[in-house]
Amino acid sequence: MNLLAERKHNAEKNPKAKPKTKLPDLKNPEEMQRFFLQEVQQGEELLAQGDIENGVEHLCNAVAVCGQPHQLLQVLQQTLPPQVFQLLMMKLQATTMGVSRARPGPGDDSLDDLE
């Protein structure tokens, strides 16, 4: 299960825990693209306003639905301040570790090579 699918699954399991962001239909490429662009834009706007936590949360959502997450992370690494990029990586790894614990098999440490 990918990061976004895990968030959607958790939101469905616990309806009282409302997600901060409306998740797209994972089977609809247009919705996924619109969601990706929206999340990048919101993340950038929030970071520019100094709201680091929420900005990073939106960028995590964008990475979760991105078809080329490693390329996006490389761009973000070049453009974000180091401490903001580090926070993004920590949030992504925490989410990835939670997903890998929820399913059998080896953990996904594919994000480790970008630090």
N, C-alpha and C. Protein backbone atom coordinates (compact mmCIF):
# COMPACT_ATOMS: atom_id res chain seq x y z
N MET A 1 0.85 -1.17 0.00
CA MET A 1 0.00 0.00 0.00
C MET A 1 0.90 1.23 0.00
N ASN A 2 0.63 2.22 -0.87
CA ASN A 2 1.47 3.41 -0.88
C ASN A 2 1.05 4.36 0.23
N LEU A 3 1.78 5.45 0.39
CA LEU A 3 1.54 6.37 1.49
C LEU A 3 0.14 6.95 1.46
N LEU A 4 -0.31 7.37 0.29
CA LEU A 4 -1.62 7.98 0.19
C LEU A 4 -2.72 6.97 0.44
N ALA A 5 -2.57 5.77 -0.08
CA ALA A 5 -3.56 4.72 0.15
C ALA A 5 -3.64 4.39 1.64
N GLU A 6 -2.52 4.39 2.33
CA GLU A 6 -2.51 4.12 3.77
C GLU A 6 -3.26 5.22 4.52
N ARG A 7 -3.04 6.47 4.15
CA ARG A 7 -3.75 7.57 4.80
C ARG A 7 -5.25 7.47 4.56
N LYS A 8 -5.62 7.14 3.33
CA LYS A 8 -7.04 7.01 3.00
C LYS A 8 -7.65 5.85 3.77
N HIS A 9 -6.92 4.73 3.88
CA HIS A 9 -7.38 3.56 4.61
C HIS A 9 -7.59 3.91 6.09
N ASN A 10 -6.63 4.62 6.69
CA ASN A 10 -6.74 5.02 8.09
C ASN A 10 -7.90 5.97 8.31
N ALA A 11 -8.14 6.87 7.38
CA ALA A 11 -9.25 7.80 7.49
C ALA A 11 -10.59 7.06 7.43
N GLU A 12 -10.67 6.02 6.61
CA GLU A 12 -11.90 5.25 6.51
C GLU A 12 -12.12 4.40 7.76
N LYS A 13 -11.03 3.90 8.36
CA LYS A 13 -11.13 3.09 9.58
C LYS A 13 -11.57 3.93 10.76
N ASN A 14 -11.14 5.18 10.81
CA ASN A 14 -11.44 6.05 11.94
C ASN A 14 -12.10 7.32 11.42
N PRO A 15 -13.41 7.30 11.19
CA PRO A 15 -14.08 8.45 10.60
C PRO A 15 -14.03 9.71 11.45
N LYS A 16 -13.82 9.58 12.77
CA LYS A 16 -13.74 10.76 13.62
C LYS A 16 -12.44 11.53 13.40
N ALA A 17 -11.39 10.82 12.98
CA ALA A 17 -10.11 11.47 12.69
C ALA A 17 -10.17 12.01 11.28
N LYS A 18 -10.58 13.26 11.16
CA LYS A 18 -10.75 13.85 9.83
C LYS A 18 -9.39 14.18 9.23
N PRO A 19 -9.17 13.79 7.97
CA PRO A 19 -7.90 14.14 7.33
C PRO A 19 -7.85 15.65 7.09
N LYS A 20 -6.65 16.21 7.13
CA LYS A 20 -6.48 17.64 6.88
C LYS A 20 -6.75 17.97 5.41
N THR A 21 -6.54 17.01 4.55
CA THR A 21 -6.65 17.23 3.13
C THR A 21 -7.59 16.19 2.53
N LYS A 22 -8.45 16.65 1.61
CA LYS A 22 -9.33 15.71 0.93
C LYS A 22 -8.50 14.88 -0.05
N LEU A 23 -8.52 13.58 0.15
CA LEU A 23 -7.71 12.68 -0.67
C LEU A 23 -8.41 12.39 -2.00
N PRO A 24 -7.65 12.30 -3.09
CA PRO A 24 -8.24 12.06 -4.40
C PRO A 24 -8.58 10.59 -4.61
N ASP A 25 -9.34 10.34 -5.66
CA ASP A 25 -9.61 8.97 -6.10
C ASP A 25 -8.31 8.46 -6.72
N LEU A 26 -7.73 7.44 -6.10
CA LEU A 26 -6.43 6.94 -6.55
C LEU A 26 -6.46 6.33 -7.94
N LYS A 27 -7.65 6.04 -8.45
CA LYS A 27 -7.78 5.43 -9.78
C LYS A 27 -8.03 6.46 -10.87
N ASN A 28 -8.13 7.73 -10.50
CA ASN A 28 -8.42 8.78 -11.46
C ASN A 28 -7.17 9.65 -11.69
N PRO A 29 -6.49 9.46 -12.82
CA PRO A 29 -5.23 10.20 -13.06
C PRO A 29 -5.41 11.72 -13.05
N GLU A 30 -6.55 12.22 -13.54
CA GLU A 30 -6.76 13.66 -13.54
C GLU A 30 -6.88 14.20 -12.12
N GLU A 31 -7.61 13.48 -11.27
CA GLU A 31 -7.73 13.90 -9.87
C GLU A 31 -6.37 13.84 -9.18
N MET A 32 -5.61 12.79 -9.48
CA MET A 32 -4.29 12.64 -8.86
C MET A 32 -3.38 13.80 -9.27
N GLN A 33 -3.41 14.18 -10.56
CA GLN A 33 -2.58 15.27 -11.03
C GLN A 33 -3.01 16.60 -10.40
N ARG A 34 -4.31 16.82 -10.35
CA ARG A 34 -4.84 18.05 -9.75
C ARG A 34 -4.43 18.12 -8.26
N PHE A 35 -4.57 16.98 -7.57
CA PHE A 35 -4.21 16.91 -6.15
C PHE A 35 -2.71 17.19 -5.98
N PHE A 36 -1.88 16.58 -6.82
CA PHE A 36 -0.43 16.78 -6.74
C PHE A 36 -0.09 18.27 -6.87
N LEU A 37 -0.62 18.91 -7.91
CA LEU A 37 -0.33 20.33 -8.14
C LEU A 37 -0.83 21.20 -7.00
N GLN A 38 -2.02 20.88 -6.50
CA GLN A 38 -2.61 21.62 -5.38
C GLN A 38 -1.73 21.49 -4.14
N GLU A 39 -1.27 20.29 -3.86
CA GLU A 39 -0.46 20.06 -2.66
C GLU A 39 0.89 20.76 -2.76
N VAL A 40 1.51 20.73 -3.93
CA VAL A 40 2.80 21.43 -4.09
C VAL A 40 2.58 22.93 -3.88
N GLN A 41 1.53 23.47 -4.50
CA GLN A 41 1.26 24.90 -4.38
C GLN A 41 0.96 25.29 -2.93
N GLN A 42 0.11 24.52 -2.26
CA GLN A 42 -0.21 24.83 -0.88
C GLN A 42 1.02 24.71 0.01
N GLY A 43 1.81 23.68 -0.24
CA GLY A 43 3.04 23.51 0.54
C GLY A 43 3.97 24.70 0.38
N GLU A 44 4.17 25.14 -0.85
CA GLU A 44 5.05 26.28 -1.10
C GLU A 44 4.51 27.55 -0.46
N GLU A 45 3.19 27.76 -0.57
CA GLU A 45 2.59 28.97 0.02
C GLU A 45 2.74 28.97 1.54
N LEU A 46 2.47 27.83 2.16
CA LEU A 46 2.57 27.75 3.62
C LEU A 46 4.01 27.94 4.08
N LEU A 47 4.96 27.35 3.36
CA LEU A 47 6.37 27.54 3.71
C LEU A 47 6.76 29.01 3.60
N ALA A 48 6.28 29.68 2.55
CA ALA A 48 6.59 31.09 2.35
C ALA A 48 6.01 31.95 3.48
N GLN A 49 4.90 31.50 4.07
CA GLN A 49 4.27 32.22 5.18
C GLN A 49 4.90 31.86 6.53
N GLY A 50 5.83 30.91 6.52
CA GLY A 50 6.49 30.51 7.75
C GLY A 50 5.81 29.35 8.47
N ASP A 51 4.78 28.78 7.87
CA ASP A 51 4.07 27.64 8.47
C ASP A 51 4.76 26.36 7.98
N ILE A 52 5.87 26.04 8.61
CA ILE A 52 6.72 24.94 8.16
C ILE A 52 6.02 23.59 8.29
N GLU A 53 5.42 23.32 9.45
CA GLU A 53 4.78 22.01 9.68
C GLU A 53 3.72 21.70 8.62
N ASN A 54 2.80 22.63 8.42
CA ASN A 54 1.73 22.39 7.45
C ASN A 54 2.25 22.40 6.01
N GLY A 55 3.23 23.23 5.74
CA GLY A 55 3.83 23.25 4.40
C GLY A 55 4.46 21.91 4.07
N VAL A 56 5.20 21.37 5.02
CA VAL A 56 5.85 20.07 4.84
C VAL A 56 4.80 18.96 4.70
N GLU A 57 3.71 19.05 5.45
CA GLU A 57 2.64 18.06 5.35
C GLU A 57 2.07 18.01 3.92
N HIS A 58 1.86 19.17 3.33
CA HIS A 58 1.34 19.21 1.96
C HIS A 58 2.37 18.68 0.96
N LEU A 59 3.64 18.99 1.18
CA LEU A 59 4.67 18.45 0.30
C LEU A 59 4.76 16.93 0.43
N CYS A 60 4.56 16.41 1.63
CA CYS A 60 4.52 14.95 1.82
C CYS A 60 3.39 14.33 1.01
N ASN A 61 2.25 14.98 1.01
CA ASN A 61 1.12 14.49 0.20
C ASN A 61 1.49 14.48 -1.28
N ALA A 62 2.17 15.52 -1.74
CA ALA A 62 2.57 15.59 -3.14
C ALA A 62 3.54 14.46 -3.48
N VAL A 63 4.50 14.21 -2.60
CA VAL A 63 5.45 13.12 -2.82
C VAL A 63 4.71 11.78 -2.87
N ALA A 64 3.70 11.63 -2.01
CA ALA A 64 2.97 10.37 -1.92
C ALA A 64 2.26 10.02 -3.22
N VAL A 65 1.79 11.01 -3.97
CA VAL A 65 1.06 10.73 -5.21
C VAL A 65 1.90 10.92 -6.47
N CYS A 66 3.13 11.37 -6.29
CA CYS A 66 3.99 11.66 -7.44
C CYS A 66 4.43 10.38 -8.14
N GLY A 67 4.38 10.39 -9.45
CA GLY A 67 4.82 9.24 -10.24
C GLY A 67 6.33 9.04 -10.20
N GLN A 68 7.06 10.11 -9.96
CA GLN A 68 8.52 10.07 -9.90
C GLN A 68 8.98 10.70 -8.58
N PRO A 69 8.71 10.04 -7.44
CA PRO A 69 9.01 10.68 -6.15
C PRO A 69 10.48 10.99 -5.93
N HIS A 70 11.37 10.15 -6.44
CA HIS A 70 12.80 10.43 -6.24
C HIS A 70 13.22 11.71 -6.95
N GLN A 71 12.70 11.93 -8.16
CA GLN A 71 13.02 13.16 -8.88
C GLN A 71 12.47 14.38 -8.15
N LEU A 72 11.24 14.26 -7.66
CA LEU A 72 10.65 15.37 -6.91
C LEU A 72 11.48 15.66 -5.65
N LEU A 73 11.87 14.62 -4.95
CA LEU A 73 12.67 14.81 -3.74
C LEU A 73 14.02 15.45 -4.05
N GLN A 74 14.61 15.11 -5.18
CA GLN A 74 15.88 15.73 -5.57
C GLN A 74 15.69 17.22 -5.83
N VAL A 75 14.58 17.59 -6.48
CA VAL A 75 14.29 19.00 -6.72
C VAL A 75 14.06 19.71 -5.39
N LEU A 76 13.28 19.09 -4.51
CA LEU A 76 13.00 19.70 -3.21
C LEU A 76 14.28 19.85 -2.39
N GLN A 77 15.17 18.88 -2.50
CA GLN A 77 16.44 18.96 -1.77
C GLN A 77 17.25 20.16 -2.23
N GLN A 78 17.18 20.47 -3.53
CA GLN A 78 17.92 21.60 -4.08
C GLN A 78 17.28 22.95 -3.75
N THR A 79 15.95 22.96 -3.54
CA THR A 79 15.24 24.23 -3.40
C THR A 79 14.83 24.58 -1.98
N LEU A 80 14.68 23.59 -1.11
CA LEU A 80 14.25 23.86 0.26
C LEU A 80 15.46 24.11 1.15
N PRO A 81 15.28 24.91 2.19
CA PRO A 81 16.36 25.02 3.18
C PRO A 81 16.64 23.64 3.79
N PRO A 82 17.89 23.36 4.14
CA PRO A 82 18.24 22.02 4.62
C PRO A 82 17.38 21.53 5.79
N GLN A 83 17.07 22.40 6.74
CA GLN A 83 16.28 21.95 7.89
C GLN A 83 14.85 21.60 7.49
N VAL A 84 14.30 22.28 6.49
CA VAL A 84 12.94 21.98 6.02
C VAL A 84 12.95 20.66 5.25
N PHE A 85 13.96 20.46 4.42
CA PHE A 85 14.07 19.19 3.69
C PHE A 85 14.24 18.03 4.67
N GLN A 86 15.04 18.23 5.71
CA GLN A 86 15.25 17.18 6.71
C GLN A 86 13.93 16.82 7.40
N LEU A 87 13.11 17.83 7.73
CA LEU A 87 11.81 17.58 8.34
C LEU A 87 10.91 16.80 7.38
N LEU A 88 10.95 17.15 6.11
CA LEU A 88 10.18 16.44 5.09
C LEU A 88 10.60 14.97 5.05
N MET A 89 11.89 14.71 5.04
CA MET A 89 12.39 13.33 4.99
C MET A 89 11.99 12.56 6.25
N MET A 90 12.04 13.20 7.40
CA MET A 90 11.66 12.53 8.64
C MET A 90 10.18 12.15 8.61
N LYS A 91 9.34 13.07 8.13
CA LYS A 91 7.90 12.77 8.05
C LYS A 91 7.65 11.64 7.05
N LEU A 92 8.32 11.67 5.92
CA LEU A 92 8.15 10.62 4.92
C LEU A 92 8.61 9.27 5.46
N GLN A 93 9.74 9.24 6.14
CA GLN A 93 10.24 7.98 6.69
C GLN A 93 9.34 7.45 7.78
N ALA A 94 8.80 8.33 8.62
CA ALA A 94 7.89 7.88 9.68
C ALA A 94 6.64 7.27 9.07
N THR A 95 6.13 7.88 8.02
CA THR A 95 4.94 7.35 7.34
C THR A 95 5.27 6.03 6.66
N THR A 96 6.41 5.98 6.00
CA THR A 96 6.82 4.75 5.31
C THR A 96 7.04 3.62 6.30
N MET A 97 7.65 3.91 7.45
CA MET A 97 7.88 2.87 8.44
C MET A 97 6.55 2.38 9.00
N GLY A 98 5.60 3.27 9.20
CA GLY A 98 4.28 2.87 9.67
C GLY A 98 3.58 1.97 8.67
N VAL A 99 3.70 2.28 7.40
CA VAL A 99 3.09 1.47 6.34
C VAL A 99 3.77 0.11 6.28
N SER A 100 5.10 0.08 6.37
CA SER A 100 5.80 -1.21 6.26
C SER A 100 5.53 -2.09 7.47
N ARG A 101 5.29 -1.50 8.64
CA ARG A 101 4.94 -2.31 9.81
C ARG A 101 3.55 -2.90 9.67
N ALA A 102 2.69 -2.20 8.93
CA ALA A 102 1.30 -2.66 8.79
C ALA A 102 1.15 -3.78 7.79
N ARG A 103 2.21 -4.07 7.03
CA ARG A 103 2.12 -5.16 6.05
C ARG A 103 3.32 -6.08 6.22
N PRO A 104 3.15 -7.34 5.89
CA PRO A 104 4.27 -8.27 6.01
C PRO A 104 5.33 -8.00 4.94
N GLY A 105 6.53 -8.39 5.22
CA GLY A 105 7.59 -8.26 4.22
C GLY A 105 8.63 -7.24 4.68
N PRO A 106 9.67 -7.08 3.89
CA PRO A 106 10.75 -6.17 4.27
C PRO A 106 10.28 -4.73 4.22
N GLY A 107 10.89 -3.87 5.06
CA GLY A 107 10.55 -2.45 5.09
C GLY A 107 11.03 -1.74 3.85
N ASP A 108 10.44 -0.58 3.58
CA ASP A 108 10.82 0.21 2.41
C ASP A 108 11.79 1.29 2.86
N ASP A 109 13.08 1.12 2.55
CA ASP A 109 14.03 2.14 2.90
C ASP A 109 14.53 2.84 1.64
N SER A 110 13.66 2.98 0.65
CA SER A 110 14.06 3.58 -0.61
C SER A 110 14.33 5.07 -0.49
N LEU A 111 13.92 5.70 0.62
CA LEU A 111 14.15 7.13 0.79
C LEU A 111 15.52 7.41 1.41
N ASP A 112 16.19 6.37 1.94
CA ASP A 112 17.45 6.56 2.65
C ASP A 112 18.54 7.14 1.76
N ASP A 113 18.55 6.85 0.49
CA ASP A 113 19.63 7.28 -0.37
C ASP A 113 19.58 8.78 -0.70
N LEU A 114 18.54 9.48 -0.31
CA LEU A 114 18.42 10.89 -0.62
C LEU A 114 18.93 11.79 0.51
N GLU A 115 19.27 11.22 1.65
CA GLU A 115 19.72 12.05 2.77
C GLU A 115 21.18 12.38 2.62
